[in-house]
Amino acid sequence: MRISGTIPPMVTPTLGRDGGVDAPTLRSFTESLVDGGVHALFPNGSNGEFSSLTRAERRTVVETVVDAADGTPIIAGCGGTSVGDVLAGIDDAEAAGADAAVVVTPYYLSTRQSGLREFYETVATRSPLPVVLYNIPQLTGVSLDVETVAALSGHDDIVGIKDSCGGATYHFRLIENTPEDFSVIQGITTLATASLDAGSDGIVTGTANVFPGAMADLYDAHVAGEGERVTRLLKDVVIPISAAHDGIPTAMALKFLVRHSGTEVGPPLLPLPELSPAEERRLADAYDAVATRLDATR
């Protein structure tokens, strides 16, 4: 399976601070992302607050997104700290119709690369879906070495990696040390254009929750060789939004930005706090400035 293009790590519309999936809003939100031209969808990731959702809630999320996606590929987050829980999540995602399972490195316990490799090989061998590795050490406390990813890329059922470590050199080494048919996806929006230039297959970008058309356009412009357009979108969209939520947990910032754009997706789930009024003003100002620039170029 080849994974490519602009992929939003979807926020999860919820009913309150302690959970409950707002399925009707999730359906309409999914439809808006597809209408915006994104190339795939990633529910139940970090920005979807998967770790604050129950298994039943995560299952509802995938079922709703698949049903509303109109054939757009779905790479569903199936993270967990035990093989059994991860496989249960993958079973749910497969039953819902997802196309691949994204499995974050198991977190909390310190481990070694040999343990990570065996974990992923065990999951992939038993998984009914292709598996995408997910490296985000700033949240999990665990990182996949390039050599470990290279070894895992030889497994028939491990098809790619979402790299959100933030290291450009690490990302470029992934591209160099994995097979051509192994998808390497950049998960840090500010590194999108540099990574695509280096050979990344796509970008998982939180900004696509808010400006899906612009972020899909950035990828399409890169494929078309329209460098001036790529640079304009980087300056007009990526940099202002990324700068505005610098220092704010991304899931909180994205939920506010989506609400500010007109879709009520609920507050961040506990244990995340609410934003301060100053943070809300900063994000709102950035959104309004970007929206005005985009309207002016249409």
Protein backbone atom coordinates (compact mmCIF):
# COMPACT_ATOMS: atom_id res chain seq x y z
CA MET A 1 0.00 0.00 0.00
CA ARG A 2 1.36 3.41 -0.97
CA ILE A 3 0.52 6.30 1.37
CA SER A 4 1.01 9.79 0.00
CA GLY A 5 -0.30 13.34 -0.14
CA THR A 6 -1.68 15.71 2.46
CA ILE A 7 -3.19 13.86 5.42
CA PRO A 8 -4.90 15.66 8.33
CA PRO A 9 -4.41 14.09 11.77
CA MET A 10 -8.05 14.67 12.57
CA VAL A 11 -9.28 16.36 15.72
CA THR A 12 -12.06 14.43 17.42
CA PRO A 13 -15.33 16.31 18.01
CA THR A 14 -16.37 15.52 21.56
CA LEU A 15 -19.35 16.24 23.80
CA GLY A 16 -17.52 17.42 26.90
CA ARG A 17 -14.28 17.63 28.83
CA ASP A 18 -14.57 14.00 29.93
CA GLY A 19 -15.32 12.45 26.55
CA GLY A 20 -18.16 11.28 24.37
CA VAL A 21 -17.77 11.40 20.56
CA ASP A 22 -19.97 13.86 18.69
CA ALA A 23 -20.56 11.57 15.70
CA PRO A 24 -22.81 13.92 13.64
CA THR A 25 -20.21 16.70 13.83
CA LEU A 26 -17.42 14.22 13.07
CA ARG A 27 -19.32 13.15 9.96
CA SER A 28 -19.75 16.68 8.65
CA PHE A 29 -16.17 17.56 9.58
CA THR A 30 -14.89 14.53 7.65
CA GLU A 31 -16.93 15.56 4.63
CA SER A 32 -15.46 19.06 4.78
CA LEU A 33 -11.91 17.69 4.76
CA VAL A 34 -12.66 15.45 1.79
CA ASP A 35 -14.30 18.35 -0.04
CA GLY A 36 -11.14 20.35 0.67
CA GLY A 37 -9.12 17.88 -1.36
CA VAL A 38 -7.02 16.04 1.23
CA HIS A 39 -5.51 12.80 -0.01
CA ALA A 40 -6.13 10.59 3.05
CA LEU A 41 -7.44 10.86 6.61
CA PHE A 42 -5.80 9.97 9.92
CA PRO A 43 -8.32 9.59 12.79
CA ASN A 44 -7.36 8.58 16.33
CA GLY A 45 -3.90 10.08 16.28
CA SER A 46 -2.26 12.35 18.83
CA ASN A 47 -4.25 15.37 17.68
CA GLY A 48 -7.36 13.22 17.88
CA GLU A 49 -6.62 12.74 21.61
CA PHE A 50 -6.72 8.96 21.16
CA SER A 51 -5.14 8.33 24.54
CA SER A 52 -8.08 10.08 26.25
CA LEU A 53 -10.71 8.02 24.39
CA THR A 54 -12.06 4.60 25.30
CA ARG A 55 -11.84 1.68 22.89
CA ALA A 56 -15.55 2.08 22.11
CA GLU A 57 -15.07 5.79 21.39
CA ARG A 58 -12.10 5.12 19.11
CA ARG A 59 -14.18 2.52 17.29
CA THR A 60 -17.00 5.06 16.81
CA VAL A 61 -14.49 7.56 15.42
CA VAL A 62 -13.16 5.18 12.76
CA GLU A 63 -16.60 3.91 11.80
CA THR A 64 -17.90 7.44 11.38
CA VAL A 65 -14.90 8.68 9.40
CA VAL A 66 -14.88 5.69 7.05
CA ASP A 67 -18.60 6.03 6.41
CA ALA A 68 -18.30 9.74 5.61
CA ALA A 69 -15.02 9.65 3.67
CA ASP A 70 -16.47 8.67 0.28
CA GLY A 71 -13.59 6.33 -0.53
CA THR A 72 -10.77 8.57 0.70
CA PRO A 73 -8.07 6.32 2.20
CA ILE A 74 -8.16 5.99 5.99
CA ILE A 75 -5.05 5.31 8.06
CA ALA A 76 -6.44 4.76 11.54
CA GLY A 77 -4.54 5.29 14.75
CA CYS A 78 -4.31 2.05 16.73
CA GLY A 79 -1.76 2.96 19.37
CA GLY A 80 -1.37 1.25 22.72
CA THR A 81 1.17 -0.17 25.12
CA SER A 82 0.33 -3.86 24.80
CA VAL A 83 0.25 -6.11 21.76
CA GLY A 84 -3.25 -7.26 22.68
CA ASP A 85 -4.71 -3.76 22.93
CA VAL A 86 -3.07 -2.68 19.67
CA LEU A 87 -4.40 -5.72 17.82
CA ALA A 88 -7.88 -5.16 19.27
CA GLY A 89 -7.78 -1.60 17.92
CA ILE A 90 -6.59 -2.85 14.54
CA ASP A 91 -9.42 -5.41 14.46
CA ASP A 92 -11.90 -2.59 15.12
CA ALA A 93 -10.34 -0.43 12.40
CA GLU A 94 -10.36 -3.29 9.90
CA ALA A 95 -14.02 -4.07 10.66
CA ALA A 96 -14.87 -0.41 10.12
CA GLY A 97 -13.20 -0.40 6.69
CA ALA A 98 -9.92 1.42 7.37
CA ASP A 99 -7.07 0.89 4.91
CA ALA A 100 -4.09 0.81 7.28
CA ALA A 101 -3.26 0.95 10.98
CA VAL A 102 -0.90 3.57 12.40
CA VAL A 103 0.86 2.19 15.49
CA VAL A 104 2.76 4.61 17.70
CA THR A 105 5.76 3.36 19.63
CA PRO A 106 4.63 1.83 22.95
CA TYR A 107 5.15 4.41 25.65
CA TYR A 108 5.73 4.69 29.42
CA LEU A 109 8.19 1.82 29.98
CA SER A 110 11.81 2.29 28.95
CA THR A 111 12.88 -0.29 26.39
CA ARG A 112 15.52 -1.09 23.78
CA GLN A 113 15.50 -1.18 20.00
CA SER A 114 15.36 -4.97 20.03
CA GLY A 115 12.13 -4.81 22.05
CA LEU A 116 10.60 -2.23 19.71
CA ARG A 117 11.49 -4.32 16.69
CA GLU A 118 9.95 -7.46 18.16
CA PHE A 119 6.83 -5.51 19.22
CA TYR A 120 6.22 -4.23 15.70
CA GLU A 121 7.04 -7.53 14.02
CA THR A 122 4.60 -9.34 16.33
CA VAL A 123 1.84 -6.79 15.68
CA ALA A 124 2.38 -6.70 11.91
CA THR A 125 2.47 -10.48 11.55
CA ARG A 126 -0.91 -10.78 13.31
CA SER A 127 -2.52 -7.64 11.90
CA PRO A 128 -5.32 -7.85 9.32
CA LEU A 129 -4.26 -4.40 8.06
CA PRO A 130 -0.97 -3.00 6.76
CA VAL A 131 0.93 -1.30 9.57
CA VAL A 132 2.42 2.20 9.56
CA LEU A 133 5.08 2.93 12.19
CA TYR A 134 4.72 6.18 14.16
CA ASN A 135 7.71 7.88 15.77
CA ILE A 136 6.99 10.83 18.09
CA PRO A 137 9.54 10.58 20.91
CA GLN A 138 8.71 13.98 22.41
CA LEU A 139 5.37 12.50 23.51
CA THR A 140 6.20 8.82 24.03
CA GLY A 141 9.69 9.02 25.46
CA VAL A 142 10.75 6.29 23.01
CA SER A 143 12.39 6.72 19.61
CA LEU A 144 12.86 4.33 16.71
CA ASP A 145 16.43 4.30 15.42
CA VAL A 146 16.84 4.62 11.67
CA GLU A 147 18.43 1.16 11.66
CA THR A 148 15.37 -0.30 13.39
CA VAL A 149 13.03 1.30 10.85
CA ALA A 150 15.21 0.03 8.01
CA ALA A 151 14.99 -3.51 9.41
CA LEU A 152 11.23 -3.27 9.91
CA SER A 153 10.73 -1.90 6.38
CA GLY A 154 11.58 -5.37 5.10
CA HIS A 155 8.47 -6.85 6.75
CA ASP A 156 5.78 -7.47 4.13
CA ASP A 157 3.04 -5.94 6.27
CA ILE A 158 4.88 -2.82 7.47
CA VAL A 159 4.34 -0.25 4.74
CA GLY A 160 5.56 3.09 6.04
CA ILE A 161 6.35 5.47 8.86
CA LYS A 162 4.87 8.71 10.14
CA ASP A 163 7.88 10.59 11.44
CA SER A 164 7.06 13.35 13.92
CA CYS A 165 10.40 13.51 15.73
CA GLY A 166 11.19 16.96 14.28
CA GLY A 167 14.71 16.08 13.15
CA ALA A 168 15.37 16.86 9.49
CA THR A 169 18.52 14.73 9.32
CA TYR A 170 16.72 11.75 10.86
CA HIS A 171 13.91 12.12 8.32
CA PHE A 172 16.28 12.33 5.38
CA ARG A 173 18.10 9.22 6.62
CA LEU A 174 14.78 7.36 6.72
CA ILE A 175 14.26 8.19 3.05
CA GLU A 176 17.77 7.04 2.17
CA ASN A 177 17.67 3.79 4.16
CA THR A 178 14.24 2.36 3.34
CA PRO A 179 12.91 0.81 0.11
CA GLU A 180 11.27 2.89 -2.59
CA ASP A 181 7.87 1.33 -1.89
CA PHE A 182 8.06 2.12 1.85
CA SER A 183 6.14 5.35 2.53
CA VAL A 184 7.98 7.98 4.57
CA ILE A 185 5.57 10.67 5.80
CA GLN A 186 6.59 13.91 7.49
CA GLY A 187 4.53 14.73 10.58
CA ILE A 188 5.96 18.18 11.36
CA THR A 189 4.26 20.83 9.23
CA THR A 190 7.14 23.30 9.23
CA LEU A 191 9.37 20.62 7.65
CA ALA A 192 6.84 19.82 4.92
CA THR A 193 8.47 21.44 1.91
CA ALA A 194 12.05 20.45 2.81
CA SER A 195 10.91 16.87 3.34
CA LEU A 196 8.96 16.72 0.10
CA ASP A 197 11.98 18.12 -1.72
CA ALA A 198 14.08 15.33 -0.19
CA GLY A 199 11.67 12.62 -1.29
CA SER A 200 8.98 12.29 1.39
CA ASP A 201 5.79 10.68 0.17
CA GLY A 202 3.45 13.01 2.03
CA ILE A 203 2.72 15.20 5.01
CA VAL A 204 0.56 14.58 8.06
CA THR A 205 -0.23 18.16 8.97
CA GLY A 206 -2.48 19.45 11.73
CA THR A 207 -3.00 22.64 9.73
CA ALA A 208 -5.03 20.60 7.23
CA ASN A 209 -7.76 20.34 9.88
CA VAL A 210 -8.20 24.09 9.55
CA PHE A 211 -7.17 24.91 5.97
CA PRO A 212 -7.52 21.57 4.13
CA GLY A 213 -7.69 23.11 0.66
CA ALA A 214 -4.52 25.15 1.12
CA MET A 215 -2.54 22.24 2.54
CA ALA A 216 -3.74 19.85 -0.18
CA ASP A 217 -2.77 22.53 -2.68
CA LEU A 218 0.74 22.72 -1.18
CA TYR A 219 1.31 19.02 -1.85
CA ASP A 220 -0.28 19.15 -5.31
CA ALA A 221 1.82 22.21 -6.22
CA HIS A 222 4.96 20.37 -5.15
CA VAL A 223 4.08 17.38 -7.34
CA ALA A 224 3.40 19.75 -10.26
CA GLY A 225 6.77 21.45 -9.78
CA GLU A 226 5.19 24.81 -8.97
CA GLY A 227 7.79 25.98 -6.50
CA GLU A 228 6.58 29.56 -6.27
CA ARG A 229 3.13 28.37 -5.23
CA VAL A 230 4.60 26.04 -2.62
CA THR A 231 6.67 28.87 -1.15
CA ARG A 232 3.67 31.20 -1.04
CA LEU A 233 1.58 28.65 0.86
CA LEU A 234 4.44 27.99 3.24
CA LYS A 235 4.72 31.70 4.04
CA ASP A 236 1.01 32.52 4.01
CA VAL A 237 -0.39 29.48 5.83
CA VAL A 238 2.13 27.11 7.40
CA ILE A 239 4.42 29.57 9.15
CA PRO A 240 1.73 31.85 10.66
CA ILE A 241 -0.37 28.98 12.02
CA SER A 242 2.67 27.09 13.34
CA ALA A 243 4.03 30.23 15.00
CA ALA A 244 0.65 31.00 16.60
CA HIS A 245 0.45 27.67 18.43
CA ASP A 246 4.11 27.50 19.38
CA GLY A 247 4.22 26.56 23.06
CA ILE A 248 0.59 25.38 23.11
CA PRO A 249 -0.21 21.63 23.03
CA THR A 250 -1.17 21.03 19.41
CA ALA A 251 -4.43 19.19 20.06
CA MET A 252 -5.71 22.12 22.13
CA ALA A 253 -4.69 24.68 19.52
CA LEU A 254 -6.22 22.76 16.63
CA LYS A 255 -9.52 22.24 18.39
CA PHE A 256 -9.77 25.97 19.02
CA LEU A 257 -8.84 26.81 15.42
CA VAL A 258 -11.44 24.40 14.03
CA ARG A 259 -14.07 25.90 16.36
CA HIS A 260 -13.01 29.40 15.31
CA SER A 261 -13.43 28.39 11.67
CA GLY A 262 -17.07 27.54 12.35
CA THR A 263 -17.20 23.85 13.32
CA GLU A 264 -17.98 23.22 16.99
CA VAL A 265 -15.75 20.28 17.93
CA GLY A 266 -15.94 20.69 21.70
CA PRO A 267 -13.23 21.45 24.24
CA PRO A 268 -9.94 19.59 24.71
CA LEU A 269 -10.33 16.40 26.72
CA LEU A 270 -8.91 15.99 30.18
CA PRO A 271 -6.10 16.02 31.19
CA LEU A 272 -5.53 18.87 28.72
CA PRO A 273 -6.50 22.27 30.13
CA GLU A 274 -8.52 24.98 28.45
CA LEU A 275 -6.67 27.71 26.59
CA SER A 276 -6.12 31.07 28.22
CA PRO A 277 -7.88 34.14 26.73
CA ALA A 278 -4.51 35.41 25.49
CA GLU A 279 -3.79 32.11 23.71
CA GLU A 280 -7.23 32.14 22.12
CA ARG A 281 -6.71 35.70 20.86
CA ARG A 282 -3.31 34.77 19.41
CA LEU A 283 -4.73 31.79 17.55
CA ALA A 284 -7.82 33.68 16.36
CA ASP A 285 -5.72 36.55 15.01
CA ALA A 286 -3.49 34.14 13.10
CA TYR A 287 -6.46 32.28 11.66
CA ASP A 288 -8.17 35.49 10.55
CA ALA A 289 -5.00 36.80 8.90
CA VAL A 290 -4.44 33.55 7.00
CA ALA A 291 -8.09 33.31 5.93
CA THR A 292 -7.96 36.90 4.63
CA ARG A 293 -4.80 36.21 2.59
CA LEU A 294 -6.28 33.04 1.11
CA ASP A 295 -9.49 34.82 0.16
CA ALA A 296 -7.47 37.53 -1.55
CA THR A 297 -5.65 35.02 -3.76
CA ARG A 298 -8.74 33.15 -4.94
